[in-house]
Amino acid sequence: MIQPSKNILIVGVGGQGVILASNIVTEVALMSGLDVKKNEAHGQSQRSGSVPCHIRYGKKIYSPIILPGEADLILAFEELEALRWANYLKPGGKIVVNKQRIYPPSVTSGMDKYPEEIVAILKKENIDVIEIDGMEHAERIGNPLVVSTLLLGVLSNFLDFSEKIWVSAITQLVPEKHRDLNLKAFQEGKKLLKV
């Protein structure tokens, strides 16, 4: 059964694995026989800047760009990025927020302040927020670098794709020496939230 079109926005900061995560989601949708369009911002990743990846899939997709108010799901690897991109969520959409703060240069230089209680701000706007402490769980597994795959495990609970396809996409896209740990992280993330 072909699922209806979905718009997923994955956001984070350069170096968090946002591009790999978006590649895995894209591959999962392609392996499921769907038309997929993706748009990502590479340049900022070099400078620890904001990295948004737009993923749209369905029977036929014509543009990779998600407009404000159109995202079904947002996966935010960092709290400030969740706040920055929340206006892209459509009514009734969900945002998965990793409890991690990466202070931008404007904050570390003292020019700006990092907002407090970001999740509370989002909830006050009646946004359905799922908060995950990805770093804590990844460290328990054995490596904080698998946070991105762990968060994909959480996200997979909201997407109608088989676990077999997720495992196949991760196996294909993650280097062999890191594959087992990433697969373990995916399973851990999946178990953290059952919907």
Protein backbone atom coordinates (compact mmCIF):
# COMPACT_ATOMS: atom_id res chain seq x y z
CA MET A 1 0.00 0.00 0.00
CA ILE A 2 1.41 3.39 -1.00
CA GLN A 3 1.27 5.84 1.84
CA PRO A 4 0.17 9.44 1.39
CA SER A 5 2.79 12.10 0.75
CA LYS A 6 4.94 13.05 3.74
CA ASN A 7 7.10 16.06 4.44
CA ILE A 8 9.95 15.52 6.89
CA LEU A 9 12.39 18.18 8.00
CA ILE A 10 15.60 17.05 9.70
CA VAL A 11 17.51 19.90 11.32
CA GLY A 12 20.62 20.25 13.40
CA VAL A 13 24.08 21.72 13.52
CA GLY A 14 27.05 20.84 11.33
CA GLY A 15 28.79 17.70 12.54
CA GLN A 16 25.73 16.08 14.13
CA GLY A 17 25.03 13.62 11.33
CA VAL A 18 22.03 15.40 9.82
CA ILE A 19 23.08 14.64 6.23
CA LEU A 20 23.61 10.93 6.93
CA ALA A 21 20.24 10.73 8.69
CA SER A 22 18.49 12.41 5.75
CA ASN A 23 20.25 10.05 3.32
CA ILE A 24 18.99 7.06 5.31
CA VAL A 25 15.37 8.32 5.37
CA THR A 26 15.58 9.04 1.64
CA GLU A 27 16.94 5.55 0.93
CA VAL A 28 14.21 3.94 3.05
CA ALA A 29 11.52 5.73 1.03
CA LEU A 30 13.20 4.83 -2.28
CA MET A 31 13.51 1.16 -1.25
CA SER A 32 9.79 1.27 -0.48
CA GLY A 33 9.03 2.23 -4.08
CA LEU A 34 8.16 5.88 -3.45
CA ASP A 35 9.09 9.01 -5.33
CA VAL A 36 11.46 11.04 -3.15
CA LYS A 37 12.86 14.54 -3.37
CA LYS A 38 15.48 15.88 -0.96
CA ASN A 39 17.12 19.25 -0.44
CA GLU A 40 19.95 19.86 2.01
CA ALA A 41 22.22 22.71 3.02
CA HIS A 42 25.84 21.50 3.01
CA GLY A 43 27.70 24.79 3.34
CA GLN A 44 26.80 25.54 6.95
CA SER A 45 27.90 22.10 8.10
CA GLN A 46 31.52 23.17 7.67
CA ARG A 47 31.07 26.02 10.13
CA SER A 48 28.92 24.40 12.84
CA GLY A 49 25.99 26.28 11.37
CA SER A 50 22.35 25.32 10.95
CA VAL A 51 21.86 22.31 8.65
CA PRO A 52 18.31 21.74 7.39
CA CYS A 53 17.36 18.77 5.19
CA HIS A 54 13.97 18.71 3.47
CA ILE A 55 12.63 15.26 2.53
CA ARG A 56 9.37 14.79 0.65
CA TYR A 57 8.07 11.42 -0.50
CA GLY A 58 4.89 9.95 -1.93
CA LYS A 59 3.43 8.54 -5.14
CA LYS A 60 4.65 11.55 -7.15
CA ILE A 61 6.65 14.47 -5.73
CA TYR A 62 7.54 17.52 -7.82
CA SER A 63 9.59 19.69 -5.46
CA PRO A 64 11.98 18.98 -2.57
CA ILE A 65 11.17 22.19 -0.71
CA ILE A 66 8.96 22.15 2.37
CA LEU A 67 7.31 25.50 3.01
CA PRO A 68 6.47 26.89 6.46
CA GLY A 69 3.40 25.13 7.85
CA GLU A 70 3.85 22.01 5.67
CA ALA A 71 6.10 19.60 7.61
CA ASP A 72 4.39 16.49 8.98
CA LEU A 73 7.41 15.73 11.16
CA ILE A 74 10.48 17.62 12.28
CA LEU A 75 13.46 15.77 13.73
CA ALA A 76 15.62 18.31 15.57
CA PHE A 77 19.09 17.14 16.62
CA GLU A 78 19.52 20.24 18.80
CA GLU A 79 17.12 22.35 20.88
CA LEU A 80 17.68 25.76 19.27
CA GLU A 81 17.23 24.24 15.83
CA ALA A 82 13.85 22.89 16.98
CA LEU A 83 12.79 26.42 17.90
CA ARG A 84 14.29 27.91 14.72
CA TRP A 85 12.34 25.56 12.42
CA ALA A 86 9.12 25.00 14.42
CA ASN A 87 7.11 27.31 12.14
CA TYR A 88 7.59 24.73 9.37
CA LEU A 89 5.42 22.23 11.26
CA LYS A 90 1.86 21.88 10.03
CA PRO A 91 -1.09 21.82 12.43
CA GLY A 92 -1.22 18.36 13.98
CA GLY A 93 2.41 17.65 13.11
CA LYS A 94 5.01 16.36 15.56
CA ILE A 95 8.50 17.48 16.45
CA VAL A 96 11.09 15.14 17.94
CA VAL A 97 13.64 17.19 19.90
CA ASN A 98 17.01 15.88 21.03
CA LYS A 99 17.88 17.36 24.45
CA GLN A 100 21.19 18.81 23.37
CA ARG A 101 22.47 22.36 23.25
CA ILE A 102 25.21 23.48 20.91
CA TYR A 103 25.92 27.13 21.49
CA PRO A 104 26.36 29.20 18.30
CA PRO A 105 29.21 31.71 18.03
CA SER A 106 26.83 34.60 18.79
CA VAL A 107 26.10 32.99 22.18
CA THR A 108 29.67 31.97 23.02
CA SER A 109 30.85 35.49 22.19
CA GLY A 110 28.26 36.97 24.54
CA MET A 111 26.31 38.79 21.79
CA ASP A 112 23.18 36.66 22.26
CA LYS A 113 21.61 34.44 24.89
CA TYR A 114 20.58 30.86 24.31
CA PRO A 115 16.82 30.65 24.95
CA GLU A 116 15.81 28.86 28.15
CA GLU A 117 13.08 26.20 28.30
CA ILE A 118 12.80 25.69 24.54
CA VAL A 119 10.59 22.61 24.88
CA ALA A 120 8.23 24.55 27.17
CA ILE A 121 8.09 27.37 24.59
CA LEU A 122 7.15 24.87 21.87
CA LYS A 123 4.50 23.20 24.03
CA LYS A 124 3.04 26.60 24.89
CA GLU A 125 2.43 27.00 21.15
CA ASN A 126 0.41 23.73 21.26
CA ILE A 127 3.08 21.85 19.35
CA ASP A 128 3.23 18.09 19.88
CA VAL A 129 6.79 17.69 21.20
CA ILE A 130 8.58 14.41 21.83
CA GLU A 131 11.71 15.09 23.87
CA ILE A 132 14.57 12.56 23.76
CA ASP A 133 17.90 12.64 25.58
CA GLY A 134 19.75 11.09 22.66
CA MET A 135 23.23 11.71 24.05
CA GLU A 136 22.50 9.88 27.29
CA HIS A 137 21.20 6.82 25.45
CA ALA A 138 24.00 6.87 22.86
CA GLU A 139 26.65 7.04 25.58
CA ARG A 140 24.99 4.10 27.33
CA ILE A 141 25.23 2.13 24.08
CA GLY A 142 28.91 2.98 23.89
CA ASN A 143 29.43 5.92 21.54
CA PRO A 144 27.89 9.43 21.51
CA LEU A 145 28.44 9.60 17.74
CA VAL A 146 25.46 7.29 17.12
CA VAL A 147 22.93 9.85 18.37
CA SER A 148 21.73 10.50 14.80
CA THR A 149 20.90 6.84 14.17
CA LEU A 150 19.28 6.55 17.59
CA LEU A 151 17.05 9.52 16.74
CA LEU A 152 16.15 7.85 13.43
CA GLY A 153 14.96 4.89 15.49
CA VAL A 154 12.61 7.24 17.35
CA LEU A 155 11.47 8.84 14.07
CA SER A 156 10.81 5.42 12.50
CA ASN A 157 7.92 4.94 14.95
CA PHE A 158 6.02 7.67 13.08
CA LEU A 159 6.72 6.41 9.56
CA ASP A 160 5.04 3.44 7.95
CA PHE A 161 8.15 1.62 6.73
CA SER A 162 9.20 -1.89 7.67
CA GLU A 163 12.05 -2.37 10.11
CA LYS A 164 13.71 -4.61 7.52
CA ILE A 165 13.97 -1.68 5.08
CA TRP A 166 15.40 0.62 7.77
CA VAL A 167 18.04 -1.99 8.63
CA SER A 168 18.86 -2.46 4.95
CA ALA A 169 19.29 1.30 4.36
CA ILE A 170 21.49 1.73 7.45
CA THR A 171 23.58 -1.29 6.42
CA GLN A 172 24.03 0.20 2.96
CA LEU A 173 24.92 3.76 4.02
CA VAL A 174 26.92 3.38 7.23
CA PRO A 175 30.59 2.33 6.90
CA GLU A 176 31.14 -1.31 7.87
CA LYS A 177 33.28 -0.58 10.93
CA HIS A 178 30.45 1.49 12.46
CA ARG A 179 27.51 -0.54 11.16
CA ASP A 180 26.76 -2.81 14.15
CA LEU A 181 26.82 0.05 16.65
CA ASN A 182 24.54 2.17 14.45
CA LEU A 183 22.09 -0.70 14.02
CA LYS A 184 22.08 -1.14 17.80
CA ALA A 185 21.46 2.60 18.23
CA PHE A 186 18.55 2.47 15.75
CA GLN A 187 16.96 -0.39 17.71
CA GLU A 188 17.46 1.48 20.98
CA GLY A 189 15.79 4.59 19.56
CA LYS A 190 12.89 2.53 18.24
CA LYS A 191 12.32 1.07 21.71
CA LEU A 192 12.40 4.48 23.40
CA LEU A 193 9.08 5.42 21.90
CA LYS A 194 6.31 3.14 20.76
CA VAL A 195 3.37 4.89 19.10
